[in-house]
């Protein structure tokens, strides 16, 4: 148990210094490759939105228009032609 506690205290004491050392070499500018990748992701998402909107509109139309079509079909089968 003592060795576990000693290991945890060593990791806690020396762990943050590694993160600070890694932060010093960081640059804030974004490379061209990253911008191109983000543009590609935006293009893919944008092209997927159009079919999603079309399918959603069709679904809403069928859900709210289904009652009217069903009522017309029921009248035809009951012998009450409009």
N, C-alpha and C. Protein backbone atom coordinates (compact mmCIF):
# COMPACT_ATOMS: atom_id res chain seq x y z
N UNK A 1 0.83 -1.19 0.00
CA UNK A 1 0.00 0.00 0.00
C UNK A 1 0.87 1.25 0.00
N UNK A 2 2.03 1.19 0.73
CA UNK A 2 2.92 2.33 0.77
C UNK A 2 3.50 2.63 -0.61
N UNK A 3 3.82 1.56 -1.34
CA UNK A 3 4.42 1.77 -2.66
C UNK A 3 3.40 2.38 -3.63
N UNK A 4 2.14 2.00 -3.49
CA UNK A 4 1.10 2.58 -4.34
C UNK A 4 0.94 4.07 -4.04
N UNK A 5 0.90 4.42 -2.78
CA UNK A 5 0.75 5.82 -2.39
C UNK A 5 1.97 6.64 -2.82
N UNK A 6 3.16 6.05 -2.71
CA UNK A 6 4.38 6.75 -3.13
C UNK A 6 4.35 6.97 -4.64
N UNK A 7 3.89 5.96 -5.40
CA UNK A 7 3.80 6.11 -6.85
C UNK A 7 2.79 7.18 -7.26
N UNK A 8 1.65 7.22 -6.58
CA UNK A 8 0.64 8.24 -6.88
C UNK A 8 1.17 9.63 -6.56
N UNK A 9 1.89 9.78 -5.46
CA UNK A 9 2.42 11.10 -5.12
C UNK A 9 3.51 11.53 -6.10
N UNK A 10 4.32 10.60 -6.61
CA UNK A 10 5.34 10.95 -7.60
C UNK A 10 4.70 11.37 -8.92
N UNK A 11 3.69 10.65 -9.34
CA UNK A 11 3.01 11.01 -10.58
C UNK A 11 2.32 12.36 -10.44
N UNK A 12 1.74 12.61 -9.30
CA UNK A 12 1.07 13.89 -9.06
C UNK A 12 2.08 15.03 -9.02
N UNK A 13 3.24 14.80 -8.46
CA UNK A 13 4.24 15.85 -8.34
C UNK A 13 4.92 16.15 -9.66
N UNK A 14 5.23 15.13 -10.46
CA UNK A 14 5.98 15.34 -11.69
C UNK A 14 5.13 15.30 -12.96
N UNK A 15 3.87 14.97 -12.87
CA UNK A 15 3.00 14.91 -14.04
C UNK A 15 2.76 16.27 -14.69
N UNK A 16 2.43 17.31 -13.93
CA UNK A 16 2.16 18.61 -14.55
C UNK A 16 3.37 19.24 -15.23
N UNK A 17 4.59 18.92 -14.78
CA UNK A 17 5.77 19.53 -15.41
C UNK A 17 5.91 19.06 -16.85
N UNK A 18 5.50 17.84 -17.16
CA UNK A 18 5.55 17.36 -18.53
C UNK A 18 4.58 18.15 -19.39
N UNK A 19 3.40 18.45 -18.88
CA UNK A 19 2.42 19.21 -19.64
C UNK A 19 2.90 20.64 -19.89
N UNK A 20 3.57 21.25 -18.91
CA UNK A 20 4.08 22.60 -19.11
C UNK A 20 5.21 22.61 -20.14
N UNK A 21 6.04 21.59 -20.13
CA UNK A 21 7.14 21.52 -21.09
C UNK A 21 6.60 21.34 -22.50
N UNK A 22 5.54 20.58 -22.66
CA UNK A 22 4.96 20.36 -23.98
C UNK A 22 4.28 21.61 -24.49
N UNK A 23 3.80 22.45 -23.62
CA UNK A 23 3.07 23.64 -24.02
C UNK A 23 4.00 24.71 -24.60
N UNK A 24 5.24 24.74 -24.26
CA UNK A 24 6.15 25.78 -24.71
C UNK A 24 6.41 25.70 -26.22
N UNK A 25 6.36 24.53 -26.83
CA UNK A 25 6.63 24.39 -28.24
C UNK A 25 5.40 24.58 -29.12
N UNK A 26 4.30 24.88 -28.52
CA UNK A 26 3.04 25.00 -29.26
C UNK A 26 2.98 26.33 -30.01
N UNK A 27 2.48 26.27 -31.25
CA UNK A 27 2.27 27.49 -32.03
C UNK A 27 0.78 27.73 -32.17
N UNK A 28 0.38 28.96 -32.36
CA UNK A 28 -1.03 29.30 -32.41
C UNK A 28 -1.59 29.39 -33.82
N UNK A 29 -0.73 29.37 -34.86
CA UNK A 29 -1.26 29.48 -36.21
C UNK A 29 -1.66 28.11 -36.76
N UNK A 30 -2.68 28.11 -37.62
CA UNK A 30 -3.18 26.86 -38.18
C UNK A 30 -2.59 26.67 -39.58
N UNK A 31 -2.22 25.47 -39.88
CA UNK A 31 -1.59 25.21 -41.17
C UNK A 31 -2.65 25.08 -42.27
N UNK A 32 -2.19 25.13 -43.51
CA UNK A 32 -3.07 25.03 -44.67
C UNK A 32 -3.76 23.66 -44.71
N UNK A 33 -3.05 22.62 -44.32
CA UNK A 33 -3.64 21.28 -44.33
C UNK A 33 -4.84 21.21 -43.39
N UNK A 34 -4.72 21.83 -42.23
CA UNK A 34 -5.83 21.81 -41.28
C UNK A 34 -7.03 22.57 -41.84
N UNK A 35 -6.80 23.71 -42.48
CA UNK A 35 -7.90 24.47 -43.09
C UNK A 35 -8.57 23.67 -44.21
N UNK A 36 -7.77 22.97 -45.02
CA UNK A 36 -8.34 22.16 -46.09
C UNK A 36 -9.17 21.00 -45.52
N UNK A 37 -8.68 20.42 -44.44
CA UNK A 37 -9.43 19.33 -43.80
C UNK A 37 -10.76 19.84 -43.25
N UNK A 38 -10.74 20.99 -42.60
CA UNK A 38 -11.98 21.56 -42.07
C UNK A 38 -12.95 21.92 -43.19
N UNK A 39 -12.42 22.40 -44.31
CA UNK A 39 -13.28 22.71 -45.45
C UNK A 39 -13.91 21.45 -46.02
N UNK A 40 -13.16 20.36 -46.07
CA UNK A 40 -13.69 19.09 -46.56
C UNK A 40 -14.80 18.58 -45.64
N UNK A 41 -14.59 18.67 -44.35
CA UNK A 41 -15.61 18.24 -43.40
C UNK A 41 -16.87 19.08 -43.55
N UNK A 42 -16.71 20.40 -43.72
CA UNK A 42 -17.86 21.28 -43.90
C UNK A 42 -18.58 20.96 -45.20
N UNK A 43 -17.85 20.62 -46.25
CA UNK A 43 -18.46 20.26 -47.52
C UNK A 43 -19.27 18.97 -47.39
N UNK A 44 -18.72 17.99 -46.70
CA UNK A 44 -19.44 16.72 -46.51
C UNK A 44 -20.71 16.95 -45.70
N UNK A 45 -20.62 17.71 -44.62
CA UNK A 45 -21.80 17.97 -43.79
C UNK A 45 -22.83 18.77 -44.58
N UNK A 46 -22.38 19.75 -45.34
CA UNK A 46 -23.30 20.56 -46.13
C UNK A 46 -24.04 19.76 -47.18
N UNK A 47 -23.36 18.82 -47.82
CA UNK A 47 -24.02 18.00 -48.84
C UNK A 47 -24.97 16.98 -48.22
N UNK A 48 -24.78 16.64 -46.97
CA UNK A 48 -25.69 15.71 -46.31
C UNK A 48 -26.94 16.40 -45.78
N UNK A 49 -26.89 17.70 -45.61
CA UNK A 49 -28.04 18.45 -45.08
C UNK A 49 -29.15 18.51 -46.12
N UNK A 50 -28.81 18.66 -47.39
CA UNK A 50 -29.83 18.80 -48.44
C UNK A 50 -30.72 17.56 -48.53
N UNK A 51 -30.18 16.33 -48.66
CA UNK A 51 -31.06 15.16 -48.69
C UNK A 51 -31.82 14.95 -47.38
N UNK A 52 -31.21 15.33 -46.27
CA UNK A 52 -31.90 15.19 -44.99
C UNK A 52 -33.13 16.10 -44.94
N UNK A 53 -33.00 17.31 -45.43
CA UNK A 53 -34.16 18.23 -45.46
C UNK A 53 -35.25 17.73 -46.39
N UNK A 54 -34.86 17.19 -47.53
CA UNK A 54 -35.85 16.66 -48.47
C UNK A 54 -36.61 15.49 -47.84
N UNK A 55 -35.88 14.56 -47.22
CA UNK A 55 -36.54 13.42 -46.58
C UNK A 55 -37.42 13.85 -45.42
N UNK A 56 -36.97 14.84 -44.66
CA UNK A 56 -37.77 15.33 -43.54
C UNK A 56 -39.07 15.95 -44.03
N UNK A 57 -39.00 16.74 -45.10
CA UNK A 57 -40.21 17.36 -45.64
C UNK A 57 -41.18 16.30 -46.17
N UNK A 58 -40.67 15.26 -46.81
CA UNK A 58 -41.53 14.19 -47.29
C UNK A 58 -42.19 13.45 -46.13
N UNK A 59 -41.41 13.24 -45.06
CA UNK A 59 -41.96 12.54 -43.91
C UNK A 59 -43.08 13.35 -43.27
N UNK A 60 -42.86 14.64 -43.10
CA UNK A 60 -43.88 15.50 -42.50
C UNK A 60 -45.13 15.53 -43.37
N UNK A 61 -44.93 15.59 -44.68
CA UNK A 61 -46.07 15.61 -45.60
C UNK A 61 -46.87 14.32 -45.50
N UNK A 62 -46.18 13.19 -45.41
CA UNK A 62 -46.89 11.91 -45.31
C UNK A 62 -47.57 11.73 -43.96
N UNK A 63 -46.93 12.21 -42.90
CA UNK A 63 -47.52 12.04 -41.57
C UNK A 63 -48.79 12.86 -41.45
N UNK A 64 -48.74 14.11 -41.88
CA UNK A 64 -49.92 14.96 -41.74
C UNK A 64 -50.90 14.80 -42.88
N UNK A 65 -50.49 14.24 -44.01
CA UNK A 65 -51.39 14.01 -45.12
C UNK A 65 -51.98 12.62 -45.13
N UNK A 66 -51.50 11.74 -44.25
CA UNK A 66 -51.96 10.36 -44.23
C UNK A 66 -53.41 10.26 -43.78
N UNK A 67 -53.84 11.11 -42.88
CA UNK A 67 -55.22 11.05 -42.39
C UNK A 67 -56.21 11.40 -43.49
N UNK A 68 -55.89 12.37 -44.33
CA UNK A 68 -56.78 12.76 -45.41
C UNK A 68 -56.89 11.65 -46.45
N UNK A 69 -55.75 11.05 -46.81
CA UNK A 69 -55.77 9.96 -47.79
C UNK A 69 -56.51 8.75 -47.24
N UNK A 70 -56.31 8.46 -45.98
CA UNK A 70 -56.98 7.32 -45.36
C UNK A 70 -58.49 7.55 -45.32
N UNK A 71 -58.90 8.76 -45.03
CA UNK A 71 -60.34 9.07 -44.99
C UNK A 71 -60.95 8.90 -46.37
N UNK A 72 -60.24 9.33 -47.41
CA UNK A 72 -60.76 9.16 -48.77
C UNK A 72 -60.85 7.68 -49.14
N UNK A 73 -59.85 6.88 -48.74
CA UNK A 73 -59.89 5.45 -49.03
C UNK A 73 -61.02 4.76 -48.28
N UNK A 74 -61.27 5.17 -47.03
CA UNK A 74 -62.36 4.58 -46.25
C UNK A 74 -63.72 4.88 -46.90
N UNK A 75 -63.87 6.08 -47.43
CA UNK A 75 -65.13 6.43 -48.08
C UNK A 75 -65.34 5.61 -49.35
N UNK A 76 -64.28 5.35 -50.09
CA UNK A 76 -64.38 4.56 -51.32
C UNK A 76 -64.79 3.13 -51.00
N UNK A 77 -64.17 2.55 -49.96
CA UNK A 77 -64.48 1.17 -49.62
C UNK A 77 -65.86 1.04 -49.00
N UNK A 78 -66.36 2.09 -48.37
CA UNK A 78 -67.68 2.03 -47.75
C UNK A 78 -68.78 2.24 -48.77
N UNK A 79 -68.41 2.57 -50.00
CA UNK A 79 -69.42 2.76 -51.02
C UNK A 79 -69.90 4.18 -51.14
N UNK A 80 -69.29 5.08 -50.43
CA UNK A 80 -69.66 6.48 -50.49
C UNK A 80 -68.66 7.22 -51.38
N UNK A 81 -68.90 7.24 -52.62
CA UNK A 81 -68.00 7.93 -53.54
C UNK A 81 -68.25 9.42 -53.45
N UNK A 82 -67.21 10.22 -53.42
CA UNK A 82 -67.40 11.68 -53.30
C UNK A 82 -67.94 12.30 -54.58
